[in-house]
PDB file of all heavy atoms in Angstrom:
ATOM      1  N   ARG A   1    -166.341  82.747  -6.357  1.00  0.00           N
ATOM      2  CA  ARG A   1    -164.929  82.452  -6.082  1.00  0.00           C
ATOM      3  C   ARG A   1    -163.996  83.240  -6.986  1.00  0.00           C
ATOM      4  O   ARG A   1    -162.867  83.515  -6.631  1.00  0.00           O
ATOM      5  CB  ARG A   1    -164.641  80.959  -6.248  1.00  0.00           C
ATOM      6  CG  ARG A   1    -165.115  80.128  -5.093  1.00  0.00           C
ATOM      7  CD  ARG A   1    -164.641  78.685  -5.207  1.00  0.00           C
ATOM      8  NE  ARG A   1    -163.278  78.515  -5.659  1.00  0.00           N
ATOM      9  CZ  ARG A   1    -162.211  78.378  -4.871  1.00  0.00           C
ATOM     10  NH1 ARG A   1    -162.361  78.382  -3.575  1.00  0.00           N
ATOM     11  NH2 ARG A   1    -161.019  78.199  -5.382  1.00  0.00           N
ATOM     12  N   SER A   2    -164.444  83.612  -8.186  1.00  0.00           N
ATOM     13  CA  SER A   2    -163.570  84.336  -9.113  1.00  0.00           C
ATOM     14  C   SER A   2    -163.193  85.718  -8.594  1.00  0.00           C
ATOM     15  O   SER A   2    -162.227  86.308  -9.054  1.00  0.00           O
ATOM     16  CB  SER A   2    -164.228  84.460 -10.486  1.00  0.00           C
ATOM     17  OG  SER A   2    -165.398  85.243 -10.399  1.00  0.00           O
ATOM     18  N   ALA A   3    -163.924  86.243  -7.635  1.00  0.00           N
ATOM     19  CA  ALA A   3    -163.626  87.548  -7.067  1.00  0.00           C
ATOM     20  C   ALA A   3    -162.643  87.469  -5.901  1.00  0.00           C
ATOM     21  O   ALA A   3    -162.173  88.484  -5.418  1.00  0.00           O
ATOM     22  CB  ALA A   3    -164.911  88.226  -6.610  1.00  0.00           C
ATOM     23  N   GLU A   4    -162.329  86.266  -5.432  1.00  0.00           N
ATOM     24  CA  GLU A   4    -161.417  86.111  -4.311  1.00  0.00           C
ATOM     25  C   GLU A   4    -159.973  86.301  -4.763  1.00  0.00           C
ATOM     26  O   GLU A   4    -159.554  85.734  -5.772  1.00  0.00           O
ATOM     27  CB  GLU A   4    -161.571  84.712  -3.706  1.00  0.00           C
ATOM     28  CG  GLU A   4    -162.919  84.468  -3.082  1.00  0.00           C
ATOM     29  CD  GLU A   4    -163.058  83.036  -2.576  1.00  0.00           C
ATOM     30  OE1 GLU A   4    -162.027  82.355  -2.406  1.00  0.00           O
ATOM     31  OE2 GLU A   4    -164.200  82.618  -2.368  1.00  0.00           O
ATOM     32  N   PRO A   5    -159.192  87.105  -4.035  1.00  0.00           N
ATOM     33  CA  PRO A   5    -157.785  87.273  -4.384  1.00  0.00           C
ATOM     34  C   PRO A   5    -157.062  85.926  -4.412  1.00  0.00           C
ATOM     35  O   PRO A   5    -157.254  85.086  -3.540  1.00  0.00           O
ATOM     36  CB  PRO A   5    -157.237  88.159  -3.266  1.00  0.00           C
ATOM     37  CG  PRO A   5    -158.439  88.847  -2.696  1.00  0.00           C
ATOM     38  CD  PRO A   5    -159.583  87.869  -2.876  1.00  0.00           C
ATOM     39  N   GLY A   6    -156.272  85.706  -5.431  1.00  0.00           N
ATOM     40  CA  GLY A   6    -155.489  84.489  -5.544  1.00  0.00           C
ATOM     41  C   GLY A   6    -156.235  83.304  -6.125  1.00  0.00           C
ATOM     42  O   GLY A   6    -155.696  82.203  -6.194  1.00  0.00           O
ATOM     43  N   TRP A   7    -157.461  83.481  -6.604  1.00  0.00           N
ATOM     44  CA  TRP A   7    -158.258  82.360  -7.122  1.00  0.00           C
ATOM     45  C   TRP A   7    -157.621  81.704  -8.332  1.00  0.00           C
ATOM     46  O   TRP A   7    -157.833  80.536  -8.579  1.00  0.00           O
ATOM     47  CB  TRP A   7    -159.681  82.817  -7.481  1.00  0.00           C
ATOM     48  CG  TRP A   7    -159.729  83.733  -8.657  1.00  0.00           C
ATOM     49  CD1 TRP A   7    -159.656  85.085  -8.642  1.00  0.00           C
ATOM     50  CD2 TRP A   7    -159.854  83.365 -10.033  1.00  0.00           C
ATOM     51  NE1 TRP A   7    -159.704  85.599  -9.901  1.00  0.00           N
ATOM     52  CE2 TRP A   7    -159.830  84.555 -10.784  1.00  0.00           C
ATOM     53  CE3 TRP A   7    -159.979  82.158 -10.702  1.00  0.00           C
ATOM     54  CZ2 TRP A   7    -159.925  84.571 -12.172  1.00  0.00           C
ATOM     55  CZ3 TRP A   7    -160.072  82.185 -12.092  1.00  0.00           C
ATOM     56  CH2 TRP A   7    -160.049  83.375 -12.804  1.00  0.00           C
ATOM     57  N   GLU A   8    -156.805  82.436  -9.079  1.00  0.00           N
ATOM     58  CA  GLU A   8    -156.214  81.891 -10.298  1.00  0.00           C
ATOM     59  C   GLU A   8    -155.025  80.984 -10.021  1.00  0.00           C
ATOM     60  O   GLU A   8    -154.548  80.295 -10.915  1.00  0.00           O
ATOM     61  CB  GLU A   8    -155.804  83.017 -11.253  1.00  0.00           C
ATOM     62  CG  GLU A   8    -154.614  83.835 -10.789  1.00  0.00           C
ATOM     63  CD  GLU A   8    -154.934  84.925  -9.778  1.00  0.00           C
ATOM     64  OE1 GLU A   8    -156.092  85.104  -9.401  1.00  0.00           O
ATOM     65  OE2 GLU A   8    -153.982  85.605  -9.353  1.00  0.00           O
ATOM     66  N   GLY A   9    -154.497  80.986  -8.826  1.00  0.00           N
ATOM     67  CA  GLY A   9    -153.358  80.150  -8.474  1.00  0.00           C
ATOM     68  C   GLY A   9    -152.037  80.793  -8.878  1.00  0.00           C
ATOM     69  O   GLY A   9    -152.005  81.828  -9.540  1.00  0.00           O
ATOM     70  N   ALA A  10    -150.949  80.162  -8.498  1.00  0.00           N
ATOM     71  CA  ALA A  10    -149.617  80.721  -8.747  1.00  0.00           C
ATOM     72  C   ALA A  10    -149.292  80.809 -10.235  1.00  0.00           C
ATOM     73  O   ALA A  10    -148.742  81.796 -10.706  1.00  0.00           O
ATOM     74  CB  ALA A  10    -148.558  79.886  -8.033  1.00  0.00           C
ATOM     75  N   VAL A  11    -149.640  79.772 -10.990  1.00  0.00           N
ATOM     76  CA  VAL A  11    -149.347  79.783 -12.428  1.00  0.00           C
ATOM     77  C   VAL A  11    -150.219  80.804 -13.136  1.00  0.00           C
ATOM     78  O   VAL A  11    -149.751  81.607 -13.936  1.00  0.00           O
ATOM     79  CB  VAL A  11    -149.544  78.378 -13.042  1.00  0.00           C
ATOM     80  CG1 VAL A  11    -149.392  78.420 -14.550  1.00  0.00           C
ATOM     81  CG2 VAL A  11    -148.547  77.404 -12.443  1.00  0.00           C
ATOM     82  N   GLY A  12    -151.494  80.828 -12.856  1.00  0.00           N
ATOM     83  CA  GLY A  12    -152.414  81.765 -13.489  1.00  0.00           C
ATOM     84  C   GLY A  12    -152.056  83.212 -13.230  1.00  0.00           C
ATOM     85  O   GLY A  12    -152.232  84.071 -14.083  1.00  0.00           O
ATOM     86  N   ALA A  13    -151.527  83.489 -12.060  1.00  0.00           N
ATOM     87  CA  ALA A  13    -151.145  84.852 -11.709  1.00  0.00           C
ATOM     88  C   ALA A  13    -149.994  85.362 -12.573  1.00  0.00           C
ATOM     89  O   ALA A  13    -149.854  86.560 -12.775  1.00  0.00           O
ATOM     90  CB  ALA A  13    -150.766  84.930 -10.234  1.00  0.00           C
ATOM     91  N   ARG A  14    -149.173  84.453 -13.094  1.00  0.00           N
ATOM     92  CA  ARG A  14    -148.036  84.861 -13.923  1.00  0.00           C
ATOM     93  C   ARG A  14    -148.398  84.996 -15.397  1.00  0.00           C
ATOM     94  O   ARG A  14    -147.614  85.511 -16.181  1.00  0.00           O
ATOM     95  CB  ARG A  14    -146.895  83.859 -13.773  1.00  0.00           C
ATOM     96  CG  ARG A  14    -146.238  83.897 -12.418  1.00  0.00           C
ATOM     97  CD  ARG A  14    -144.953  83.102 -12.393  1.00  0.00           C
ATOM     98  NE  ARG A  14    -145.124  81.744 -12.855  1.00  0.00           N
ATOM     99  CZ  ARG A  14    -145.260  80.676 -12.063  1.00  0.00           C
ATOM    100  NH1 ARG A  14    -145.255  80.826 -10.771  1.00  0.00           N
ATOM    101  NH2 ARG A  14    -145.405  79.479 -12.572  1.00  0.00           N
ATOM    102  N   LEU A  15    -149.562  84.501 -15.792  1.00  0.00           N
ATOM    103  CA  LEU A  15    -149.955  84.559 -17.192  1.00  0.00           C
ATOM    104  C   LEU A  15    -150.385  85.972 -17.563  1.00  0.00           C
ATOM    105  O   LEU A  15    -150.950  86.695 -16.772  1.00  0.00           O
ATOM    106  CB  LEU A  15    -151.087  83.576 -17.472  1.00  0.00           C
ATOM    107  CG  LEU A  15    -150.731  82.108 -17.301  1.00  0.00           C
ATOM    108  CD1 LEU A  15    -151.951  81.248 -17.582  1.00  0.00           C
ATOM    109  CD2 LEU A  15    -149.584  81.711 -18.197  1.00  0.00           C
ATOM    110  N   SER A  16    -150.116  86.331 -18.795  1.00  0.00           N
ATOM    111  CA  SER A  16    -150.484  87.656 -19.270  1.00  0.00           C
ATOM    112  C   SER A  16    -150.824  87.561 -20.755  1.00  0.00           C
ATOM    113  O   SER A  16    -150.606  86.525 -21.392  1.00  0.00           O
ATOM    114  CB  SER A  16    -149.324  88.636 -19.068  1.00  0.00           C
ATOM    115  OG  SER A  16    -148.238  88.265 -19.909  1.00  0.00           O
ATOM    116  N   LEU A  17    -151.345  88.647 -21.294  1.00  0.00           N
ATOM    117  CA  LEU A  17    -151.622  88.703 -22.726  1.00  0.00           C
ATOM    118  C   LEU A  17    -150.338  88.461 -23.515  1.00  0.00           C
ATOM    119  O   LEU A  17    -150.324  87.723 -24.496  1.00  0.00           O
ATOM    120  CB  LEU A  17    -152.238  90.056 -23.087  1.00  0.00           C
ATOM    121  CG  LEU A  17    -152.528  90.294 -24.556  1.00  0.00           C
ATOM    122  CD1 LEU A  17    -153.506  89.262 -25.107  1.00  0.00           C
ATOM    123  CD2 LEU A  17    -153.069  91.705 -24.757  1.00  0.00           C
ATOM    124  N   ARG A  18    -149.261  89.038 -23.055  1.00  0.00           N
ATOM    125  CA  ARG A  18    -147.973  88.888 -23.733  1.00  0.00           C
ATOM    126  C   ARG A  18    -147.552  87.422 -23.799  1.00  0.00           C
ATOM    127  O   ARG A  18    -147.096  86.935 -24.828  1.00  0.00           O
ATOM    128  CB  ARG A  18    -146.930  89.729 -23.001  1.00  0.00           C
ATOM    129  CG  ARG A  18    -145.696  89.991 -23.794  1.00  0.00           C
ATOM    130  CD  ARG A  18    -144.819  91.008 -23.143  1.00  0.00           C
ATOM    131  NE  ARG A  18    -144.794  90.848 -21.689  1.00  0.00           N
ATOM    132  CZ  ARG A  18    -144.297  91.735 -20.856  1.00  0.00           C
ATOM    133  NH1 ARG A  18    -143.781  92.835 -21.301  1.00  0.00           N
ATOM    134  NH2 ARG A  18    -144.300  91.521 -19.565  1.00  0.00           N
ATOM    135  N   VAL A  19    -147.718  86.690 -22.716  1.00  0.00           N
ATOM    136  CA  VAL A  19    -147.359  85.263 -22.684  1.00  0.00           C
ATOM    137  C   VAL A  19    -148.209  84.476 -23.670  1.00  0.00           C
ATOM    138  O   VAL A  19    -147.705  83.645 -24.425  1.00  0.00           O
ATOM    139  CB  VAL A  19    -147.509  84.702 -21.247  1.00  0.00           C
ATOM    140  CG1 VAL A  19    -147.385  83.198 -21.232  1.00  0.00           C
ATOM    141  CG2 VAL A  19    -146.480  85.331 -20.321  1.00  0.00           C
ATOM    142  N   ALA A  20    -149.513  84.735 -23.687  1.00  0.00           N
ATOM    143  CA  ALA A  20    -150.414  84.025 -24.605  1.00  0.00           C
ATOM    144  C   ALA A  20    -150.075  84.332 -26.069  1.00  0.00           C
ATOM    145  O   ALA A  20    -150.055  83.433 -26.911  1.00  0.00           O
ATOM    146  CB  ALA A  20    -151.858  84.398 -24.311  1.00  0.00           C
ATOM    147  N   LEU A  21    -149.780  85.587 -26.380  1.00  0.00           N
ATOM    148  CA  LEU A  21    -149.438  85.953 -27.757  1.00  0.00           C
ATOM    149  C   LEU A  21    -148.106  85.334 -28.186  1.00  0.00           C
ATOM    150  O   LEU A  21    -147.956  84.910 -29.330  1.00  0.00           O
ATOM    151  CB  LEU A  21    -149.398  87.474 -27.904  1.00  0.00           C
ATOM    152  CG  LEU A  21    -150.750  88.176 -27.789  1.00  0.00           C
ATOM    153  CD1 LEU A  21    -150.568  89.689 -27.740  1.00  0.00           C
ATOM    154  CD2 LEU A  21    -151.677  87.769 -28.923  1.00  0.00           C
ATOM    155  N   ARG A  22    -147.152  85.257 -27.271  1.00  0.00           N
ATOM    156  CA  ARG A  22    -145.868  84.630 -27.613  1.00  0.00           C
ATOM    157  C   ARG A  22    -146.036  83.154 -27.947  1.00  0.00           C
ATOM    158  O   ARG A  22    -145.330  82.617 -28.794  1.00  0.00           O
ATOM    159  CB  ARG A  22    -144.864  84.821 -26.482  1.00  0.00           C
ATOM    160  CG  ARG A  22    -144.319  86.220 -26.466  1.00  0.00           C
ATOM    161  CD  ARG A  22    -143.206  86.398 -25.464  1.00  0.00           C
ATOM    162  NE  ARG A  22    -142.670  87.740 -25.592  1.00  0.00           N
ATOM    163  CZ  ARG A  22    -142.235  88.469 -24.592  1.00  0.00           C
ATOM    164  NH1 ARG A  22    -142.258  87.988 -23.367  1.00  0.00           N
ATOM    165  NH2 ARG A  22    -141.779  89.671 -24.797  1.00  0.00           N
ATOM    166  N   ARG A  23    -146.970  82.503 -27.296  1.00  0.00           N
ATOM    167  CA  ARG A  23    -147.245  81.098 -27.617  1.00  0.00           C
ATOM    168  C   ARG A  23    -147.768  80.972 -29.054  1.00  0.00           C
ATOM    169  O   ARG A  23    -147.400  80.046 -29.770  1.00  0.00           O
ATOM    170  CB  ARG A  23    -148.241  80.530 -26.621  1.00  0.00           C
ATOM    171  CG  ARG A  23    -148.478  79.068 -26.832  1.00  0.00           C
ATOM    172  CD  ARG A  23    -149.205  78.463 -25.684  1.00  0.00           C
ATOM    173  NE  ARG A  23    -149.405  77.046 -25.942  1.00  0.00           N
ATOM    174  CZ  ARG A  23    -150.128  76.268 -25.211  1.00  0.00           C
ATOM    175  NH1 ARG A  23    -150.731  76.748 -24.143  1.00  0.00           N
ATOM    176  NH2 ARG A  23    -150.275  75.010 -25.507  1.00  0.00           N
ATOM    177  N   ILE A  24    -148.604  81.906 -29.463  1.00  0.00           N
ATOM    178  CA  ILE A  24    -149.119  81.891 -30.837  1.00  0.00           C
ATOM    179  C   ILE A  24    -147.990  82.167 -31.831  1.00  0.00           C
ATOM    180  O   ILE A  24    -147.946  81.567 -32.902  1.00  0.00           O
ATOM    181  CB  ILE A  24    -150.258  82.912 -31.005  1.00  0.00           C
ATOM    182  CG1 ILE A  24    -151.411  82.572 -30.070  1.00  0.00           C
ATOM    183  CG2 ILE A  24    -150.742  82.943 -32.449  1.00  0.00           C
ATOM    184  CD1 ILE A  24    -152.495  83.637 -30.010  1.00  0.00           C
ATOM    185  N   VAL A  25    -147.076  83.069 -31.483  1.00  0.00           N
ATOM    186  CA  VAL A  25    -145.917  83.337 -32.356  1.00  0.00           C
ATOM    187  C   VAL A  25    -145.122  82.057 -32.559  1.00  0.00           C
ATOM    188  O   VAL A  25    -144.738  81.726 -33.681  1.00  0.00           O
ATOM    189  CB  VAL A  25    -145.006  84.437 -31.745  1.00  0.00           C
ATOM    190  CG1 VAL A  25    -143.678  84.508 -32.486  1.00  0.00           C
ATOM    191  CG2 VAL A  25    -145.706  85.784 -31.776  1.00  0.00           C
ATOM    192  N   ARG A  26    -144.893  81.303 -31.491  1.00  0.00           N
ATOM    193  CA  ARG A  26    -144.095  80.072 -31.587  1.00  0.00           C
ATOM    194  C   ARG A  26    -144.733  79.029 -32.488  1.00  0.00           C
ATOM    195  O   ARG A  26    -144.038  78.316 -33.196  1.00  0.00           O
ATOM    196  CB  ARG A  26    -143.874  79.473 -30.195  1.00  0.00           C
ATOM    197  CG  ARG A  26    -142.789  80.153 -29.409  1.00  0.00           C
ATOM    198  CD  ARG A  26    -142.374  79.335 -28.193  1.00  0.00           C
ATOM    199  NE  ARG A  26    -143.474  78.983 -27.321  1.00  0.00           N
ATOM    200  CZ  ARG A  26    -143.898  79.709 -26.300  1.00  0.00           C
ATOM    201  NH1 ARG A  26    -143.319  80.864 -26.027  1.00  0.00           N
ATOM    202  NH2 ARG A  26    -144.894  79.294 -25.551  1.00  0.00           N
ATOM    203  N   ASP A  27    -146.056  78.913 -32.469  1.00  0.00           N
ATOM    204  CA  ASP A  27    -146.669  77.855 -33.287  1.00  0.00           C
ATOM    205  C   ASP A  27    -146.986  78.300 -34.718  1.00  0.00           C
ATOM    206  O   ASP A  27    -147.454  77.494 -35.516  1.00  0.00           O
ATOM    207  CB  ASP A  27    -147.881  77.230 -32.587  1.00  0.00           C
ATOM    208  CG  ASP A  27    -149.103  78.107 -32.564  1.00  0.00           C
ATOM    209  OD1 ASP A  27    -149.211  79.056 -33.348  1.00  0.00           O
ATOM    210  OD2 ASP A  27    -149.988  77.820 -31.741  1.00  0.00           O
ATOM    211  N   ARG A  28    -146.739  79.580 -35.040  1.00  0.00           N
ATOM    212  CA  ARG A  28    -146.868  80.101 -36.414  1.00  0.00           C
ATOM    213  C   ARG A  28    -148.273  79.928 -37.000  1.00  0.00           C
ATOM    214  O   ARG A  28    -148.459  79.790 -38.196  1.00  0.00           O
ATOM    215  CB  ARG A  28    -145.833  79.461 -37.341  1.00  0.00           C
ATOM    216  CG  ARG A  28    -144.397  79.655 -36.944  1.00  0.00           C
ATOM    217  CD  ARG A  28    -143.919  81.075 -37.064  1.00  0.00           C
ATOM    218  NE  ARG A  28    -143.954  81.514 -38.460  1.00  0.00           N
ATOM    219  CZ  ARG A  28    -144.076  82.766 -38.834  1.00  0.00           C
ATOM    220  NH1 ARG A  28    -144.203  83.712 -37.940  1.00  0.00           N
ATOM    221  NH2 ARG A  28    -144.098  83.085 -40.095  1.00  0.00           N
ATOM    222  N   SER A  29    -149.289  79.956 -36.161  1.00  0.00           N
ATOM    223  CA  SER A  29    -150.671  79.853 -36.616  1.00  0.00           C
ATOM    224  C   SER A  29    -151.089  81.108 -37.371  1.00  0.00           C
ATOM    225  O   SER A  29    -150.610  82.208 -37.089  1.00  0.00           O
ATOM    226  CB  SER A  29    -151.623  79.699 -35.423  1.00  0.00           C
ATOM    227  OG  SER A  29    -151.376  78.518 -34.734  1.00  0.00           O
ATOM    228  N   THR A  30    -152.004  80.947 -38.299  1.00  0.00           N
ATOM    229  CA  THR A  30    -152.649  82.089 -38.938  1.00  0.00           C
ATOM    230  C   THR A  30    -153.707  82.606 -37.967  1.00  0.00           C
ATOM    231  O   THR A  30    -154.413  81.826 -37.334  1.00  0.00           O
ATOM    232  CB  THR A  30    -153.319  81.671 -40.257  1.00  0.00           C
ATOM    233  OG1 THR A  30    -152.310  81.151 -41.123  1.00  0.00           O
ATOM    234  CG2 THR A  30    -154.006  82.833 -40.930  1.00  0.00           C
ATOM    235  N   VAL A  31    -153.800  83.918 -37.845  1.00  0.00           N
ATOM    236  CA  VAL A  31    -154.747  84.522 -36.911  1.00  0.00           C
ATOM    237  C   VAL A  31    -155.561  85.624 -37.589  1.00  0.00           C
ATOM    238  O   VAL A  31    -155.144  86.200 -38.592  1.00  0.00           O
ATOM    239  CB  VAL A  31    -154.034  85.122 -35.676  1.00  0.00           C
ATOM    240  CG1 VAL A  31    -153.344  84.053 -34.858  1.00  0.00           C
ATOM    241  CG2 VAL A  31    -153.068  86.222 -36.069  1.00  0.00           C
ATOM    242  N   LEU A  32    -156.707  85.900 -37.014  1.00  0.00           N
ATOM    243  CA  LEU A  32    -157.473  87.103 -37.302  1.00  0.00           C
ATOM    244  C   LEU A  32    -157.353  87.960 -36.057  1.00  0.00           C
ATOM    245  O   LEU A  32    -157.556  87.465 -34.937  1.00  0.00           O
ATOM    246  CB  LEU A  32    -158.942  86.796 -37.556  1.00  0.00           C
ATOM    247  CG  LEU A  32    -159.274  86.027 -38.824  1.00  0.00           C
ATOM    248  CD1 LEU A  32    -160.769  85.721 -38.868  1.00  0.00           C
ATOM    249  CD2 LEU A  32    -158.875  86.823 -40.047  1.00  0.00           C
ATOM    250  N   VAL A  33    -157.014  89.229 -36.229  1.00  0.00           N
ATOM    251  CA  VAL A  33    -156.940  90.151 -35.109  1.00  0.00           C
ATOM    252  C   VAL A  33    -158.042  91.183 -35.304  1.00  0.00           C
ATOM    253  O   VAL A  33    -158.020  91.944 -36.273  1.00  0.00           O
ATOM    254  CB  VAL A  33    -155.563  90.850 -35.028  1.00  0.00           C
ATOM    255  CG1 VAL A  33    -155.525  91.818 -33.855  1.00  0.00           C
ATOM    256  CG2 VAL A  33    -154.436  89.828 -34.908  1.00  0.00           C
ATOM    257  N   ALA A  34    -159.029  91.152 -34.412  1.00  0.00           N
ATOM    258  CA  ALA A  34    -160.108  92.140 -34.445  1.00  0.00           C
ATOM    259  C   ALA A  34    -159.668  93.323 -33.592  1.00  0.00           C
ATOM    260  O   ALA A  34    -159.185  93.151 -32.473  1.00  0.00           O
ATOM    261  CB  ALA A  34    -161.393  91.540 -33.910  1.00  0.00           C
ATOM    262  N   LEU A  35    -159.828  94.509 -34.144  1.00  0.00           N
ATOM    263  CA  LEU A  35    -159.418  95.723 -33.454  1.00  0.00           C
ATOM    264  C   LEU A  35    -160.608  96.379 -32.764  1.00  0.00           C
ATOM    265  O   LEU A  35    -161.747  96.231 -33.205  1.00  0.00           O
ATOM    266  CB  LEU A  35    -158.801  96.699 -34.457  1.00  0.00           C
ATOM    267  CG  LEU A  35    -157.635  96.146 -35.277  1.00  0.00           C
ATOM    268  CD1 LEU A  35    -157.186  97.161 -36.315  1.00  0.00           C
ATOM    269  CD2 LEU A  35    -156.488  95.742 -34.371  1.00  0.00           C
ATOM    270  N   THR A  36    -160.348  97.108 -31.695  1.00  0.00           N
ATOM    271  CA  THR A  36    -161.417  97.796 -30.989  1.00  0.00           C
ATOM    272  C   THR A  36    -162.085  98.843 -31.873  1.00  0.00           C
ATOM    273  O   THR A  36    -163.223  99.217 -31.628  1.00  0.00           O
ATOM    274  CB  THR A  36    -160.891  98.450 -29.697  1.00  0.00           C
ATOM    275  OG1 THR A  36    -159.810  99.321 -30.020  1.00  0.00           O
ATOM    276  CG2 THR A  36    -160.420  97.401 -28.696  1.00  0.00           C
ATOM    277  N   SER A  37    -161.407  99.267 -32.927  1.00  0.00           N
ATOM    278  CA  SER A  37    -161.981 100.239 -33.870  1.00  0.00           C
ATOM    279  C   SER A  37    -162.951  99.590 -34.848  1.00  0.00           C
ATOM    280  O   SER A  37    -163.613 100.281 -35.613  1.00  0.00           O
ATOM    281  CB  SER A  37    -160.865 100.915 -34.661  1.00  0.00           C
ATOM    282  OG  SER A  37    -160.203  99.964 -35.482  1.00  0.00           O
ATOM    283  N   GLY A  38    -163.001  98.251 -34.857  1.00  0.00           N
ATOM    284  CA  GLY A  38    -163.884  97.534 -35.768  1.00  0.00           C
ATOM    285  C   GLY A  38    -163.161  96.885 -36.935  1.00  0.00           C
ATOM    286  O   GLY A  38    -163.741  96.077 -37.643  1.00  0.00           O
ATOM    287  N   GLY A  39    -161.900  97.224 -37.158  1.00  0.00           N
ATOM    288  CA  GLY A  39    -161.123  96.619 -38.239  1.00  0.00           C
ATOM    289  C   GLY A  39    -160.719  95.192 -37.917  1.00  0.00           C
ATOM    290  O   GLY A  39    -160.738  94.773 -36.757  1.00  0.00           O
ATOM    291  N   VAL A  40    -160.355  94.455 -38.960  1.00  0.00           N
ATOM    292  CA  VAL A  40    -159.895  93.078 -38.801  1.00  0.00           C
ATOM    293  C   VAL A  40    -158.657  92.893 -39.671  1.00  0.00           C
ATOM    294  O   VAL A  40    -158.655  93.268 -40.840  1.00  0.00           O
ATOM    295  CB  VAL A  40    -160.979  92.056 -39.215  1.00  0.00           C
ATOM    296  CG1 VAL A  40    -160.445  90.633 -39.102  1.00  0.00           C
ATOM    297  CG2 VAL A  40    -162.229  92.227 -38.380  1.00  0.00           C
ATOM    298  N   LEU A  41    -157.611  92.327 -39.095  1.00  0.00           N
ATOM    299  CA  LEU A  41    -156.378  92.033 -39.812  1.00  0.00           C
ATOM    300  C   LEU A  41    -156.151  90.533 -39.792  1.00  0.00           C
ATOM    301  O   LEU A  41    -156.557  89.849 -38.857  1.00  0.00           O
ATOM    302  CB  LEU A  41    -155.193  92.739 -39.151  1.00  0.00           C
ATOM    303  CG  LEU A  41    -155.287  94.259 -39.042  1.00  0.00           C
ATOM    304  CD1 LEU A  41    -154.154  94.793 -38.176  1.00  0.00           C
ATOM    305  CD2 LEU A  41    -155.255  94.897 -40.421  1.00  0.00           C
ATOM    306  N   GLN A  42    -155.485  90.025 -40.829  1.00  0.00           N
ATOM    307  CA  GLN A  42    -155.197  88.589 -40.902  1.00  0.00           C
ATOM    308  C   GLN A  42    -153.726  88.398 -41.203  1.00  0.00           C
ATOM    309  O   GLN A  42    -153.133  89.176 -41.948  1.00  0.00           O
ATOM    310  CB  GLN A  42    -156.027  87.941 -42.007  1.00  0.00           C
ATOM    311  CG  GLN A  42    -155.770  86.457 -42.154  1.00  0.00           C
ATOM    312  CD  GLN A  42    -156.668  85.815 -43.208  1.00  0.00           C
ATOM    313  OE1 GLN A  42    -157.732  86.318 -43.513  1.00  0.00           O
ATOM    314  NE2 GLN A  42    -156.222  84.709 -43.749  1.00  0.00           N
TER     315      GLN A  42
END
């Protein structure tokens, strides 16, 4: 079912990486960011 167009629904279709990251900005959590190069930032 995950391969079917529209399986995520109307709300899921609007979600993006940017939206998820903005939520983390709002809650001021400490994060670890792993980079594709192998580095890690905190």
